[in-house]
Amino acid sequence: MKKPINIRIDESLLSDLDNYAQELDRTRTYLIEKAISAYFDTLDEMVSDQRIDEVKKGNVEVYSLDEVAKQLGLD
């Protein structure tokens, strides 16, 4: 189920979006959904980098697989 949202977008970006939509015979919504979906890979990398930085700074505790298994009673 799709849910409507409201966004503000620069006029030149909107114009580019409309041009692509017309050229490809697609809707704005379709192109925006595809762009966001493609950008998720980049966001995943950013989150991973941030988490690695937190580990390196010592701000989070890291557990080995053996420690987790033992804690869960799987050893």
PDB file of N, CA and C in Angstrom:
ATOM      1  N   MET A   1       0.849  -1.180   0.000  1.00  0.00           N
ATOM      2  CA  MET A   1       0.000   0.000   0.000  1.00  0.00           C
ATOM      3  C   MET A   1       0.894   1.243   0.000  1.00  0.00           C
ATOM      4  N   LYS A   2       0.607   2.143  -0.878  1.00  0.00           N
ATOM      5  CA  LYS A   2       1.382   3.376  -0.954  1.00  0.00           C
ATOM      6  C   LYS A   2       0.760   4.421  -0.048  1.00  0.00           C
ATOM      7  N   LYS A   3       1.623   5.237   0.534  1.00  0.00           N
ATOM      8  CA  LYS A   3       1.178   6.285   1.441  1.00  0.00           C
ATOM      9  C   LYS A   3       1.665   7.624   0.898  1.00  0.00           C
ATOM     10  N   PRO A   4       0.793   8.601   0.774  1.00  0.00           N
ATOM     11  CA  PRO A   4       1.213   9.899   0.242  1.00  0.00           C
ATOM     12  C   PRO A   4       2.079  10.666   1.244  1.00  0.00           C
ATOM     13  N   ILE A   5       3.061  11.398   0.701  1.00  0.00           N
ATOM     14  CA  ILE A   5       3.902  12.274   1.516  1.00  0.00           C
ATOM     15  C   ILE A   5       4.021  13.616   0.799  1.00  0.00           C
ATOM     16  N   ASN A   6       4.452  14.608   1.527  1.00  0.00           N
ATOM     17  CA  ASN A   6       4.704  15.925   0.941  1.00  0.00           C
ATOM     18  C   ASN A   6       6.188  16.235   1.066  1.00  0.00           C
ATOM     19  N   ILE A   7       6.786  16.733  -0.012  1.00  0.00           N
ATOM     20  CA  ILE A   7       8.182  17.147   0.028  1.00  0.00           C
ATOM     21  C   ILE A   7       8.315  18.493  -0.661  1.00  0.00           C
ATOM     22  N   ARG A   8       9.387  19.193  -0.325  1.00  0.00           N
ATOM     23  CA  ARG A   8       9.748  20.409  -1.040  1.00  0.00           C
ATOM     24  C   ARG A   8      10.968  20.073  -1.867  1.00  0.00           C
ATOM     25  N   ILE A   9      10.976  20.511  -3.114  1.00  0.00           N
ATOM     26  CA  ILE A   9      12.064  20.171  -4.017  1.00  0.00           C
ATOM     27  C   ILE A   9      12.409  21.394  -4.866  1.00  0.00           C
ATOM     28  N   ASP A  10      13.692  21.591  -5.085  1.00  0.00           N
ATOM     29  CA  ASP A  10      14.158  22.713  -5.885  1.00  0.00           C
ATOM     30  C   ASP A  10      13.516  22.667  -7.273  1.00  0.00           C
ATOM     31  N   GLU A  11      13.151  23.831  -7.784  1.00  0.00           N
ATOM     32  CA  GLU A  11      12.449  23.896  -9.067  1.00  0.00           C
ATOM     33  C   GLU A  11      13.246  23.277 -10.214  1.00  0.00           C
ATOM     34  N   SER A  12      14.555  23.485 -10.218  1.00  0.00           N
ATOM     35  CA  SER A  12      15.359  22.921 -11.312  1.00  0.00           C
ATOM     36  C   SER A  12      15.409  21.396 -11.218  1.00  0.00           C
ATOM     37  N   LEU A  13      15.455  20.869 -10.004  1.00  0.00           N
ATOM     38  CA  LEU A  13      15.441  19.419  -9.825  1.00  0.00           C
ATOM     39  C   LEU A  13      14.093  18.841 -10.247  1.00  0.00           C
ATOM     40  N   LEU A  14      13.035  19.534  -9.911  1.00  0.00           N
ATOM     41  CA  LEU A  14      11.701  19.104 -10.311  1.00  0.00           C
ATOM     42  C   LEU A  14      11.555  19.123 -11.828  1.00  0.00           C
ATOM     43  N   SER A  15      12.116  20.145 -12.455  1.00  0.00           N
ATOM     44  CA  SER A  15      12.075  20.232 -13.916  1.00  0.00           C
ATOM     45  C   SER A  15      12.816  19.051 -14.542  1.00  0.00           C
ATOM     46  N   ASP A  16      13.996  18.733 -13.992  1.00  0.00           N
ATOM     47  CA  ASP A  16      14.744  17.567 -14.486  1.00  0.00           C
ATOM     48  C   ASP A  16      13.936  16.288 -14.299  1.00  0.00           C
ATOM     49  N   LEU A  17      13.321  16.155 -13.139  1.00  0.00           N
ATOM     50  CA  LEU A  17      12.504  14.978 -12.849  1.00  0.00           C
ATOM     51  C   LEU A  17      11.372  14.857 -13.860  1.00  0.00           C
ATOM     52  N   ASP A  18      10.696  15.958 -14.114  1.00  0.00           N
ATOM     53  CA  ASP A  18       9.589  15.944 -15.085  1.00  0.00           C
ATOM     54  C   ASP A  18      10.075  15.598 -16.489  1.00  0.00           C
ATOM     55  N   ASN A  19      11.239  16.108 -16.860  1.00  0.00           N
ATOM     56  CA  ASN A  19      11.792  15.798 -18.187  1.00  0.00           C
ATOM     57  C   ASN A  19      12.088  14.306 -18.319  1.00  0.00           C
ATOM     58  N   TYR A  20      12.715  13.732 -17.285  1.00  0.00           N
ATOM     59  CA  TYR A  20      12.982  12.291 -17.310  1.00  0.00           C
ATOM     60  C   TYR A  20      11.688  11.491 -17.328  1.00  0.00           C
ATOM     61  N   ALA A  21      10.740  11.901 -16.524  1.00  0.00           N
ATOM     62  CA  ALA A  21       9.457  11.193 -16.468  1.00  0.00           C
ATOM     63  C   ALA A  21       8.785  11.186 -17.842  1.00  0.00           C
ATOM     64  N   GLN A  22       8.808  12.321 -18.500  1.00  0.00           N
ATOM     65  CA  GLN A  22       8.195  12.415 -19.828  1.00  0.00           C
ATOM     66  C   GLN A  22       8.962  11.565 -20.836  1.00  0.00           C
ATOM     67  N   GLU A  23      10.275  11.674 -20.813  1.00  0.00           N
ATOM     68  CA  GLU A  23      11.107  10.920 -21.760  1.00  0.00           C
ATOM     69  C   GLU A  23      10.941   9.406 -21.595  1.00  0.00           C
ATOM     70  N   LEU A  24      10.832   8.969 -20.356  1.00  0.00           N
ATOM     71  CA  LEU A  24      10.727   7.534 -20.064  1.00  0.00           C
ATOM     72  C   LEU A  24       9.287   7.041 -19.959  1.00  0.00           C
ATOM     73  N   ASP A  25       8.336   7.949 -20.100  1.00  0.00           N
ATOM     74  CA  ASP A  25       6.922   7.624 -19.964  1.00  0.00           C
ATOM     75  C   ASP A  25       6.640   6.962 -18.610  1.00  0.00           C
ATOM     76  N   ARG A  26       7.165   7.599 -17.572  1.00  0.00           N
ATOM     77  CA  ARG A  26       6.968   7.142 -16.196  1.00  0.00           C
ATOM     78  C   ARG A  26       6.430   8.304 -15.364  1.00  0.00           C
ATOM     79  N   THR A  27       5.968   8.006 -14.174  1.00  0.00           N
ATOM     80  CA  THR A  27       5.464   9.065 -13.298  1.00  0.00           C
ATOM     81  C   THR A  27       6.596   9.586 -12.412  1.00  0.00           C
ATOM     82  N   ARG A  28       6.364  10.771 -11.867  1.00  0.00           N
ATOM     83  CA  ARG A  28       7.298  11.310 -10.867  1.00  0.00           C
ATOM     84  C   ARG A  28       7.479  10.308  -9.722  1.00  0.00           C
ATOM     85  N   THR A  29       6.364   9.790  -9.252  1.00  0.00           N
ATOM     86  CA  THR A  29       6.394   8.856  -8.126  1.00  0.00           C
ATOM     87  C   THR A  29       7.272   7.659  -8.429  1.00  0.00           C
ATOM     88  N   TYR A  30       7.117   7.083  -9.609  1.00  0.00           N
ATOM     89  CA  TYR A  30       7.915   5.924  -9.995  1.00  0.00           C
ATOM     90  C   TYR A  30       9.408   6.258  -9.942  1.00  0.00           C
ATOM     91  N   LEU A  31       9.791   7.388 -10.546  1.00  0.00           N
ATOM     92  CA  LEU A  31      11.201   7.759 -10.583  1.00  0.00           C
ATOM     93  C   LEU A  31      11.749   8.077  -9.198  1.00  0.00           C
ATOM     94  N   ILE A  32      10.963   8.736  -8.374  1.00  0.00           N
ATOM     95  CA  ILE A  32      11.403   9.052  -7.011  1.00  0.00           C
ATOM     96  C   ILE A  32      11.574   7.764  -6.204  1.00  0.00           C
ATOM     97  N   GLU A  33      10.627   6.827  -6.316  1.00  0.00           N
ATOM     98  CA  GLU A  33      10.749   5.550  -5.619  1.00  0.00           C
ATOM     99  C   GLU A  33      12.009   4.811  -6.045  1.00  0.00           C
ATOM    100  N   LYS A  34      12.286   4.778  -7.349  1.00  0.00           N
ATOM    101  CA  LYS A  34      13.482   4.100  -7.857  1.00  0.00           C
ATOM    102  C   LYS A  34      14.751   4.775  -7.348  1.00  0.00           C
ATOM    103  N   ALA A  35      14.769   6.102  -7.335  1.00  0.00           N
ATOM    104  CA  ALA A  35      15.948   6.840  -6.871  1.00  0.00           C
ATOM    105  C   ALA A  35      16.207   6.575  -5.390  1.00  0.00           C
ATOM    106  N   ILE A  36      15.166   6.601  -4.591  1.00  0.00           N
ATOM    107  CA  ILE A  36      15.322   6.354  -3.149  1.00  0.00           C
ATOM    108  C   ILE A  36      15.794   4.923  -2.918  1.00  0.00           C
ATOM    109  N   SER A  37      15.208   3.977  -3.618  1.00  0.00           N
ATOM    110  CA  SER A  37      15.598   2.583  -3.471  1.00  0.00           C
ATOM    111  C   SER A  37      17.076   2.390  -3.830  1.00  0.00           C
ATOM    112  N   ALA A  38      17.524   3.010  -4.901  1.00  0.00           N
ATOM    113  CA  ALA A  38      18.926   2.906  -5.312  1.00  0.00           C
ATOM    114  C   ALA A  38      19.844   3.562  -4.283  1.00  0.00           C
ATOM    115  N   TYR A  39      19.397   4.622  -3.655  1.00  0.00           N
ATOM    116  CA  TYR A  39      20.209   5.346  -2.685  1.00  0.00           C
ATOM    117  C   TYR A  39      20.362   4.590  -1.362  1.00  0.00           C
ATOM    118  N   PHE A  40      19.490   3.623  -1.099  1.00  0.00           N
ATOM    119  CA  PHE A  40      19.581   2.849   0.136  1.00  0.00           C
ATOM    120  C   PHE A  40      20.924   2.142   0.261  1.00  0.00           C
ATOM    121  N   ASP A  41      21.526   1.690  -0.845  1.00  0.00           N
ATOM    122  CA  ASP A  41      22.843   1.062  -0.778  1.00  0.00           C
ATOM    123  C   ASP A  41      23.872   2.039  -0.224  1.00  0.00           C
ATOM    124  N   THR A  42      23.812   3.287  -0.673  1.00  0.00           N
ATOM    125  CA  THR A  42      24.724   4.316  -0.173  1.00  0.00           C
ATOM    126  C   THR A  42      24.474   4.576   1.308  1.00  0.00           C
ATOM    127  N   LEU A  43      23.223   4.644   1.691  1.00  0.00           N
ATOM    128  CA  LEU A  43      22.889   4.869   3.097  1.00  0.00           C
ATOM    129  C   LEU A  43      23.364   3.713   3.971  1.00  0.00           C
ATOM    130  N   ASP A  44      23.244   2.478   3.471  1.00  0.00           N
ATOM    131  CA  ASP A  44      23.739   1.322   4.220  1.00  0.00           C
ATOM    132  C   ASP A  44      25.238   1.450   4.476  1.00  0.00           C
ATOM    133  N   GLU A  45      25.984   1.886   3.465  1.00  0.00           N
ATOM    134  CA  GLU A  45      27.424   2.079   3.630  1.00  0.00           C
ATOM    135  C   GLU A  45      27.720   3.173   4.657  1.00  0.00           C
ATOM    136  N   MET A  46      26.952   4.250   4.621  1.00  0.00           N
ATOM    137  CA  MET A  46      27.159   5.344   5.569  1.00  0.00           C
ATOM    138  C   MET A  46      26.900   4.879   6.997  1.00  0.00           C
ATOM    139  N   VAL A  47      25.835   4.120   7.202  1.00  0.00           N
ATOM    140  CA  VAL A  47      25.508   3.601   8.534  1.00  0.00           C
ATOM    141  C   VAL A  47      26.600   2.637   9.000  1.00  0.00           C
ATOM    142  N   SER A  48      27.049   1.773   8.103  1.00  0.00           N
ATOM    143  CA  SER A  48      28.121   0.833   8.454  1.00  0.00           C
ATOM    144  C   SER A  48      29.385   1.568   8.857  1.00  0.00           C
ATOM    145  N   ASP A  49      29.760   2.583   8.081  1.00  0.00           N
ATOM    146  CA  ASP A  49      30.949   3.375   8.412  1.00  0.00           C
ATOM    147  C   ASP A  49      30.811   4.038   9.775  1.00  0.00           C
ATOM    148  N   GLN A  50      29.635   4.555  10.053  1.00  0.00           N
ATOM    149  CA  GLN A  50      29.384   5.206  11.341  1.00  0.00           C
ATOM    150  C   GLN A  50      29.506   4.205  12.484  1.00  0.00           C
ATOM    151  N   ARG A  51      28.962   3.013  12.293  1.00  0.00           N
ATOM    152  CA  ARG A  51      29.045   1.985  13.329  1.00  0.00           C
ATOM    153  C   ARG A  51      30.487   1.541  13.552  1.00  0.00           C
ATOM    154  N   ILE A  52      31.244   1.394  12.473  1.00  0.00           N
ATOM    155  CA  ILE A  52      32.655   1.020  12.594  1.00  0.00           C
ATOM    156  C   ILE A  52      33.417   2.092  13.362  1.00  0.00           C
ATOM    157  N   ASP A  53      33.138   3.359  13.060  1.00  0.00           N
ATOM    158  CA  ASP A  53      33.781   4.455  13.788  1.00  0.00           C
ATOM    159  C   ASP A  53      33.467   4.392  15.276  1.00  0.00           C
ATOM    160  N   GLU A  54      32.230   4.074  15.627  1.00  0.00           N
ATOM    161  CA  GLU A  54      31.837   3.974  17.032  1.00  0.00           C
ATOM    162  C   GLU A  54      32.571   2.832  17.726  1.00  0.00           C
ATOM    163  N   VAL A  55      32.768   1.720  17.026  1.00  0.00           N
ATOM    164  CA  VAL A  55      33.515   0.600  17.590  1.00  0.00           C
ATOM    165  C   VAL A  55      34.961   1.011  17.813  1.00  0.00           C
ATOM    166  N   LYS A  56      35.560   1.663  16.812  1.00  0.00           N
ATOM    167  CA  LYS A  56      36.957   2.092  16.918  1.00  0.00           C
ATOM    168  C   LYS A  56      37.166   3.081  18.061  1.00  0.00           C
ATOM    169  N   LYS A  57      36.175   3.924  18.314  1.00  0.00           N
ATOM    170  CA  LYS A  57      36.260   4.898  19.408  1.00  0.00           C
ATOM    171  C   LYS A  57      36.033   4.253  20.769  1.00  0.00           C
ATOM    172  N   GLY A  58      35.555   3.020  20.775  1.00  0.00           N
ATOM    173  CA  GLY A  58      35.272   2.336  22.035  1.00  0.00           C
ATOM    174  C   GLY A  58      33.935   2.723  22.627  1.00  0.00           C
ATOM    175  N   ASN A  59      33.054   3.276  21.823  1.00  0.00           N
ATOM    176  CA  ASN A  59      31.749   3.719  22.318  1.00  0.00           C
ATOM    177  C   ASN A  59      30.707   2.611  22.377  1.00  0.00           C
ATOM    178  N   VAL A  60      31.021   1.469  21.778  1.00  0.00           N
ATOM    179  CA  VAL A  60      30.102   0.329  21.829  1.00  0.00           C
ATOM    180  C   VAL A  60      30.884  -0.919  22.207  1.00  0.00           C
ATOM    181  N   GLU A  61      30.202  -1.846  22.821  1.00  0.00           N
ATOM    182  CA  GLU A  61      30.840  -3.082  23.226  1.00  0.00           C
ATOM    183  C   GLU A  61      30.674  -4.119  22.125  1.00  0.00           C
ATOM    184  N   VAL A  62      31.733  -4.831  21.826  1.00  0.00           N
ATOM    185  CA  VAL A  62      31.720  -5.840  20.771  1.00  0.00           C
ATOM    186  C   VAL A  62      31.849  -7.219  21.403  1.00  0.00           C
ATOM    187  N   TYR A  63      31.056  -8.174  20.913  1.00  0.00           N
ATOM    188  CA  TYR A  63      31.061  -9.531  21.429  1.00  0.00           C
ATOM    189  C   TYR A  63      31.454 -10.495  20.320  1.00  0.00           C
ATOM    190  N   SER A  64      32.196 -11.506  20.666  1.00  0.00           N
ATOM    191  CA  SER A  64      32.545 -12.548  19.700  1.00  0.00           C
ATOM    192  C   SER A  64      31.340 -13.463  19.506  1.00  0.00           C
ATOM    193  N   LEU A  65      31.385 -14.241  18.441  1.00  0.00           N
ATOM    194  CA  LEU A  65      30.313 -15.202  18.184  1.00  0.00           C
ATOM    195  C   LEU A  65      30.216 -16.215  19.317  1.00  0.00           C
ATOM    196  N   ASP A  66      31.368 -16.643  19.828  1.00  0.00           N
ATOM    197  CA  ASP A  66      31.370 -17.598  20.946  1.00  0.00           C
ATOM    198  C   ASP A  66      30.696 -17.013  22.178  1.00  0.00           C
ATOM    199  N   GLU A  67      30.973 -15.747  22.462  1.00  0.00           N
ATOM    200  CA  GLU A  67      30.355 -15.091  23.621  1.00  0.00           C
ATOM    201  C   GLU A  67      28.841 -14.997  23.468  1.00  0.00           C
ATOM    202  N   VAL A  68      28.386 -14.671  22.274  1.00  0.00           N
ATOM    203  CA  VAL A  68      26.946 -14.571  22.027  1.00  0.00           C
ATOM    204  C   VAL A  68      26.292 -15.944  22.158  1.00  0.00           C
ATOM    205  N   ALA A  69      26.915 -16.951  21.570  1.00  0.00           N
ATOM    206  CA  ALA A  69      26.375 -18.312  21.650  1.00  0.00           C
ATOM    207  C   ALA A  69      26.285 -18.769  23.096  1.00  0.00           C
ATOM    208  N   LYS A  70      27.335 -18.492  23.873  1.00  0.00           N
ATOM    209  CA  LYS A  70      27.322 -18.890  25.285  1.00  0.00           C
ATOM    210  C   LYS A  70      26.231 -18.159  26.053  1.00  0.00           C
ATOM    211  N   GLN A  71      26.073 -16.868  25.808  1.00  0.00           N
ATOM    212  CA  GLN A  71      25.058 -16.070  26.488  1.00  0.00           C
ATOM    213  C   GLN A  71      23.652 -16.600  26.165  1.00  0.00           C
ATOM    214  N   LEU A  72      23.475 -17.101  24.937  1.00  0.00           N
ATOM    215  CA  LEU A  72      22.162 -17.619  24.528  1.00  0.00           C
ATOM    216  C   LEU A  72      21.992 -19.091  24.857  1.00  0.00           C
ATOM    217  N   GLY A  73      23.024 -19.679  25.460  1.00  0.00           N
ATOM    218  CA  GLY A  73      22.942 -21.081  25.806  1.00  0.00           C
ATOM    219  C   GLY A  73      23.047 -22.005  24.615  1.00  0.00           C
ATOM    220  N   LEU A  74      23.740 -21.576  23.578  1.00  0.00           N
ATOM    221  CA  LEU A  74      23.881 -22.369  22.362  1.00  0.00           C
ATOM    222  C   LEU A  74      25.225 -23.060  22.258  1.00  0.00           C
ATOM    223  N   ASP A  75      26.012 -23.023  23.306  1.00  0.00           N
ATOM    224  CA  ASP A  75      27.344 -23.636  23.233  1.00  0.00           C
ATOM    225  C   ASP A  75      27.346 -25.107  23.492  1.00  0.00           C
TER     226      ASP A  75
END
